[in-house]
Protein backbone atom coordinates (compact mmCIF):
# COMPACT_ATOMS: atom_id res chain seq x y z
CA MET A 1 119.61 90.93 105.69
CA THR A 2 122.19 91.32 102.88
CA LYS A 3 119.43 91.35 100.29
CA ASN A 4 122.14 90.89 97.58
CA ASN A 5 122.84 87.48 98.61
CA PRO A 6 122.04 85.27 96.25
CA ASN A 7 121.82 83.04 98.89
CA THR A 8 119.84 85.14 101.12
CA TYR A 9 115.31 84.39 102.00
CA ILE A 10 112.94 85.16 104.02
CA ARG A 11 113.50 85.23 107.67
CA PHE A 12 111.83 82.63 108.98
CA ASP A 13 109.77 84.29 111.77
CA TRP A 14 108.44 86.40 108.74
CA ALA A 15 107.96 83.62 106.53
CA ILE A 16 106.00 81.32 108.72
CA LYS A 17 103.39 83.96 109.77
CA ARG A 18 102.39 84.02 106.04
CA LEU A 19 103.66 82.22 103.27
CA LEU A 20 103.97 78.36 105.56
CA ARG A 21 100.91 78.29 106.61
CA ASP A 22 99.80 77.08 103.29
CA LYS A 23 99.61 73.16 102.69
CA ALA A 24 101.70 73.52 99.67
CA ASN A 25 104.74 74.94 101.99
CA PHE A 26 104.22 72.87 105.42
CA GLY A 27 107.84 70.94 104.07
CA VAL A 28 109.52 73.40 105.49
CA LEU A 29 107.96 73.24 108.90
CA GLU A 30 108.14 70.11 108.98
CA GLY A 31 112.28 69.88 108.02
CA LEU A 32 112.95 71.78 110.97
CA LEU A 33 110.82 69.65 113.26
CA THR A 34 112.50 66.24 111.51
CA VAL A 35 116.38 67.51 112.20
CA LEU A 36 115.19 68.64 115.50
CA PHE A 37 113.80 65.59 117.49
CA ASN A 38 116.10 63.18 114.60
CA ASP A 39 112.27 62.15 113.94
CA LYS A 40 109.88 62.19 110.26
CA THR A 41 107.49 64.62 111.67
CA LYS A 42 104.16 65.51 110.10
CA ILE A 43 102.43 69.45 110.51
CA VAL A 44 98.66 68.34 111.03
CA GLU A 45 97.49 72.04 111.35
CA ILE A 46 98.55 75.99 111.60
CA LEU A 47 96.39 76.81 115.19
CA GLU A 48 94.04 79.79 114.39
CA SER A 49 94.80 82.95 116.42
CA GLU A 50 91.51 83.60 116.84
CA GLY A 51 91.23 80.23 119.77
CA ASN A 52 94.64 80.52 121.09
CA GLN A 53 95.90 83.51 121.85
CA GLN A 54 95.29 85.81 124.61
CA TRP A 55 96.42 89.16 124.01
CA GLU A 56 95.42 90.92 120.79
CA GLU A 57 99.57 91.81 120.05
CA ASP A 58 100.00 87.83 119.76
CA LYS A 59 99.43 87.76 116.32
CA PHE A 60 102.41 89.53 115.46
CA ASN A 61 104.40 88.37 117.61
CA ARG A 62 103.98 84.40 117.97
CA VAL A 63 103.00 81.39 115.55
CA ASP A 64 101.24 77.94 116.52
CA ILE A 65 101.22 75.22 114.79
CA LYS A 66 100.39 71.70 115.69
CA ALA A 67 102.27 68.46 114.45
CA LYS A 68 102.46 64.33 114.83
CA ASN A 69 105.50 62.63 114.86
CA SER A 70 106.08 58.91 113.79
CA LYS A 71 105.09 57.69 117.61
CA GLY A 72 102.06 59.99 116.71
CA GLU A 73 102.31 62.34 119.45
CA ILE A 74 100.83 66.53 119.48
CA ILE A 75 104.16 68.93 118.70
CA ILE A 76 103.02 72.54 119.43
CA VAL A 77 105.60 75.14 118.03
CA GLU A 78 105.36 78.33 118.99
CA VAL A 79 107.75 80.97 117.11
CA GLN A 80 107.93 83.94 119.46
CA ASN A 81 109.87 87.29 117.97
CA THR A 82 108.83 89.59 121.06
CA ARG A 83 110.92 89.59 124.52
CA GLU A 84 108.20 89.01 127.51
CA LEU A 85 108.41 89.81 131.07
CA TYR A 86 106.54 86.46 131.52
CA TYR A 87 107.82 84.54 129.06
CA LEU A 88 108.41 80.35 130.82
CA GLU A 89 104.91 81.30 132.88
CA ARG A 90 104.02 82.04 128.85
CA ILE A 91 104.89 78.82 127.26
CA LEU A 92 103.72 76.35 130.18
CA TYR A 93 100.11 77.57 129.75
CA GLY A 94 100.93 76.83 126.39
CA THR A 95 101.66 73.46 127.26
CA ALA A 96 98.57 73.01 129.52
CA LYS A 97 96.28 74.61 127.12
CA ALA A 98 97.60 72.06 124.12
CA ILE A 99 96.47 69.31 126.41
CA THR A 100 93.60 70.45 127.40
CA GLU A 101 92.29 71.04 123.95
CA HIS A 102 93.32 67.32 122.75
CA ILE A 103 91.28 64.98 125.28
CA SER A 104 88.06 65.22 124.90
CA LEU A 105 85.18 64.76 127.10
CA GLY A 106 84.53 61.69 128.83
CA ASP A 107 88.33 60.63 127.72
CA THR A 108 90.15 59.11 130.17
CA TYR A 109 93.09 59.89 131.21
CA GLN A 110 95.39 57.70 128.92
CA GLN A 111 94.50 59.86 126.18
CA VAL A 112 96.32 62.47 127.40
CA LYS A 113 98.90 62.91 124.68
CA LYS A 114 102.34 64.35 125.11
CA VAL A 115 103.54 68.26 123.76
CA TYR A 116 106.66 68.99 122.90
CA SER A 117 107.22 73.49 123.37
CA ILE A 118 109.43 74.50 120.72
CA SER A 119 110.18 78.43 121.29
CA ILE A 120 112.67 80.21 118.92
CA LEU A 121 113.67 83.24 119.91
CA TYR A 122 115.15 86.38 118.63
CA PHE A 123 115.77 87.89 121.92
CA ASP A 124 117.84 87.93 124.91
CA LEU A 125 115.98 85.06 127.60
CA GLY A 126 118.25 85.29 129.79
CA ARG A 127 122.08 83.36 130.17
CA GLY A 128 123.70 80.31 128.56
CA ASN A 129 126.54 79.65 126.58
CA ASP A 130 124.85 77.07 123.83
CA TYR A 131 122.22 78.21 121.22
CA LEU A 132 119.87 75.35 121.81
CA TYR A 133 118.23 74.05 125.29
CA HIS A 134 116.56 71.25 126.63
CA GLY A 135 114.43 70.26 128.76
CA GLN A 136 111.87 67.92 130.88
CA ASN A 137 110.09 66.26 133.12
CA ARG A 138 112.53 63.50 135.56
CA PHE A 139 111.71 61.67 139.27
CA ILE A 140 115.23 61.87 140.73
CA GLY A 141 115.71 60.12 144.37
CA VAL A 142 117.03 62.56 146.52
CA HIS A 143 119.31 60.06 148.50
CA THR A 144 120.18 57.08 145.48
CA LYS A 145 120.36 59.18 142.62
CA ASP A 146 117.55 56.83 141.08
CA GLU A 147 115.07 57.86 138.15
CA LEU A 148 111.73 57.09 139.12
CA LEU A 149 109.86 54.22 136.70
CA ILE A 150 106.85 54.42 136.63
CA ASN A 151 104.17 50.91 136.07
CA ALA A 152 100.92 51.66 133.89
CA LYS A 153 98.31 49.69 131.89
CA GLU A 154 98.06 49.63 128.12
CA GLU A 155 96.14 46.95 126.09
CA ASN A 156 95.87 44.57 129.47
CA ALA A 157 99.65 44.71 129.57
CA ILE A 158 101.66 45.79 132.71
CA VAL A 159 104.80 48.58 130.46
CA GLN A 160 107.02 50.90 132.32
CA LYS A 161 107.30 53.58 131.54
CA LEU A 162 109.70 57.48 132.54
CA PRO A 163 107.43 60.39 133.57
CA SER A 164 109.83 61.87 130.83
CA GLU A 165 107.94 60.21 128.33
CA VAL A 166 104.61 61.80 129.83
CA PHE A 167 105.80 65.09 130.94
CA PRO A 168 106.06 68.25 127.85
CA GLU A 169 109.58 69.03 126.66
CA TYR A 170 110.57 72.22 126.00
CA TYR A 171 113.19 73.27 123.25
CA LEU A 172 114.78 76.81 123.50
CA ILE A 173 116.27 77.94 119.99
CA ARG A 174 118.29 81.02 120.67
CA VAL A 175 118.77 82.30 117.20
CA ASN A 176 120.57 85.13 117.96
CA GLU A 177 123.58 83.29 119.90
CA PHE A 178 124.66 81.04 116.82
CA ASN A 179 127.89 82.07 116.60
CA GLN A 180 129.39 78.76 114.34
CA VAL A 181 130.09 77.63 111.09
CA ALA A 182 127.27 75.62 109.80
CA LYS A 183 128.11 71.71 109.58
CA THR A 184 125.36 69.75 110.57
CA PRO A 185 121.24 70.05 109.41
CA LEU A 186 120.67 71.56 112.82
CA GLU A 187 123.05 73.86 112.70
CA GLU A 188 122.14 74.78 108.94
CA TRP A 189 118.78 75.48 110.53
CA VAL A 190 119.42 77.36 113.05
CA LYS A 191 122.17 79.55 110.54
CA TYR A 192 119.08 80.07 108.63
CA LEU A 193 116.89 81.26 111.57
CA LYS A 194 119.47 83.42 112.37
CA THR A 195 120.61 85.36 108.96
CA GLY A 196 118.04 83.80 106.32
CA ILE A 197 120.77 82.47 104.15
CA ILE A 198 120.72 78.69 102.74
CA ASP A 199 124.08 77.09 101.79
CA PRO A 200 122.59 76.52 98.49
CA GLU A 201 123.70 72.83 98.23
CA THR A 202 122.21 72.67 101.60
CA THR A 203 120.78 68.57 102.04
CA ALA A 204 119.23 69.16 105.19
CA PRO A 205 115.26 68.42 105.69
CA GLY A 206 113.37 71.33 105.31
CA LEU A 207 116.67 73.16 103.54
CA PRO A 208 115.74 72.47 100.07
CA GLU A 209 112.28 73.25 99.85
CA ALA A 210 112.75 76.56 101.73
CA ARG A 211 115.11 77.69 98.76
CA GLU A 212 112.17 77.00 96.31
CA LYS A 213 109.59 79.01 98.33
CA LEU A 214 110.95 81.95 100.33
CA ARG A 215 112.84 83.37 98.07
CA TYR A 216 113.00 87.62 98.87
CA TYR A 217 112.75 88.68 95.26
CA ASP A 218 109.89 86.18 94.37
CA MET A 219 107.67 88.54 96.75
CA THR A 220 106.01 91.12 95.31
CA PRO A 221 106.79 95.02 95.65
CA GLU A 222 104.27 95.17 97.78
CA GLU A 223 105.14 92.16 100.22
CA ARG A 224 109.60 93.59 99.82
CA TYR A 225 108.22 96.05 101.51
CA ALA A 226 106.28 95.26 104.36
CA TYR A 227 108.90 92.53 104.96
CA ASP A 228 111.53 95.13 104.68
CA GLU A 229 109.69 97.06 107.34
CA HIS A 230 109.47 94.33 109.35
CA ILE A 231 112.59 93.96 109.43
CA ASN A 232 113.55 97.75 110.25
CA ALA A 233 111.03 97.06 113.24
CA ILE A 234 112.38 94.52 114.65
CA MET A 235 116.06 96.53 115.11
CA ILE A 236 114.69 99.65 115.71
CA GLN A 237 112.71 97.51 118.78
CA ASN A 238 115.87 96.40 119.81
CA ASP A 239 117.25 99.44 119.65
CA VAL A 240 114.90 101.00 121.39
CA LEU A 241 115.01 98.34 124.10
CA ASN A 242 118.56 98.11 124.97
CA THR A 243 118.37 102.69 125.06
CA ALA A 244 115.25 102.41 127.01
CA LYS A 245 117.63 100.19 129.85
CA LEU A 246 120.68 101.86 130.18
CA GLU A 247 118.35 104.84 130.58
CA GLY A 248 116.04 103.40 132.36
CA HIS A 249 118.44 102.74 135.08
CA ALA A 250 120.66 106.31 135.06
CA GLU A 251 120.30 108.00 138.63
CA GLY A 252 118.46 110.99 138.82
CA ARG A 253 114.76 111.28 137.81
CA ALA A 254 115.10 115.01 136.58
CA GLU A 255 111.89 115.98 134.83
CA GLY A 256 114.49 116.11 130.85
CA GLU A 257 115.04 112.15 131.84
CA ARG A 258 111.34 111.83 132.39
CA ASN A 259 110.41 113.12 129.29
CA LYS A 260 112.55 111.05 127.35
CA GLN A 261 111.09 108.00 129.22
CA LEU A 262 107.72 108.54 127.98
CA GLU A 263 109.13 108.80 124.94
CA ILE A 264 110.31 105.31 124.80
CA ALA A 265 107.62 104.61 126.10
CA ARG A 266 105.08 106.08 123.10
CA LYS A 267 107.64 104.49 120.75
CA MET A 268 107.54 100.58 122.12
CA LYS A 269 103.37 101.15 122.79
CA GLU A 270 103.72 101.82 118.95
CA MET A 271 105.47 98.62 118.22
CA GLY A 272 102.38 96.81 120.23
CA MET A 273 104.98 95.96 123.99
CA THR A 274 102.74 95.04 126.49
CA ALA A 275 102.73 97.76 129.78
CA ASP A 276 104.51 94.54 131.34
CA VAL A 277 107.91 94.77 129.53
CA ILE A 278 107.14 98.91 129.22
CA ALA A 279 107.43 99.41 132.51
CA GLN A 280 110.38 96.98 133.19
CA VAL A 281 112.83 98.94 130.72
CA THR A 282 111.63 102.72 131.49
CA GLY A 283 110.33 102.11 134.77
CA LEU A 284 107.34 103.91 134.63
CA ALA A 285 104.45 103.67 136.13
CA PRO A 286 101.40 101.57 134.82
CA GLY A 287 99.29 105.40 134.74
CA GLU A 288 102.13 107.05 133.39
CA ILE A 289 102.41 104.26 130.19
CA GLU A 290 98.73 104.69 129.69
CA THR A 291 99.00 108.21 129.19
CA ALA A 292 102.46 108.15 127.05
């Protein structure tokens, strides 16, 4: 982050876990969702970490938001900042849990609401040339290639709907892959997600509010210190992981090499990395990681 740039603001992954949890600041989050869906979206609540997170380190790595669009559909937003070995399985579990948590015992399946999962990824999930990917369930004829329409009864009338109107949809925003001039509201948002920079003349929904509420120098000295440490930790984390990958694939397991991997494992544990991720990048056994 270039702190001397007057157009630089607190990075989104930090702000969403602190400042944007305040209902008075929901306009920033609503702007992002409105731009992404091209539909007016309202925040309902920030879901509490104790109820929707399965691991202790989740409280540092992810935030879940419940929102509704103009159709009354539920939207679950997940912001993820740390590499995850089974990330696709994680977001699948999150959408399934969102569906079951928002239907009461005794309700009919008609009450099931659609869930949108949005992952703002500050890490490399895989190969791809785009910064935004979208996926949803569709049923296509194996031989005819047509898309299946489902008959459903709603309000005493038979209506047809596509399976994609019912099944969850997934958006993956690969922040680090955005390397172009921001011309559209969506591009302006992704530029901010990546750099923390907001253009003074922007009219993209939510970004004018972000300019008012997320100024770096409006934080207290203590908050700025914590924020700077957060950014430094992310840089160190990426450096450690990249180094670990290179060294983890090196041939030979001499004692000096093993000690180097153990040191990397210790650093990764201090940053709250899971044992699965540490094992993936260092090649160490679970017992070695536990005693590192």
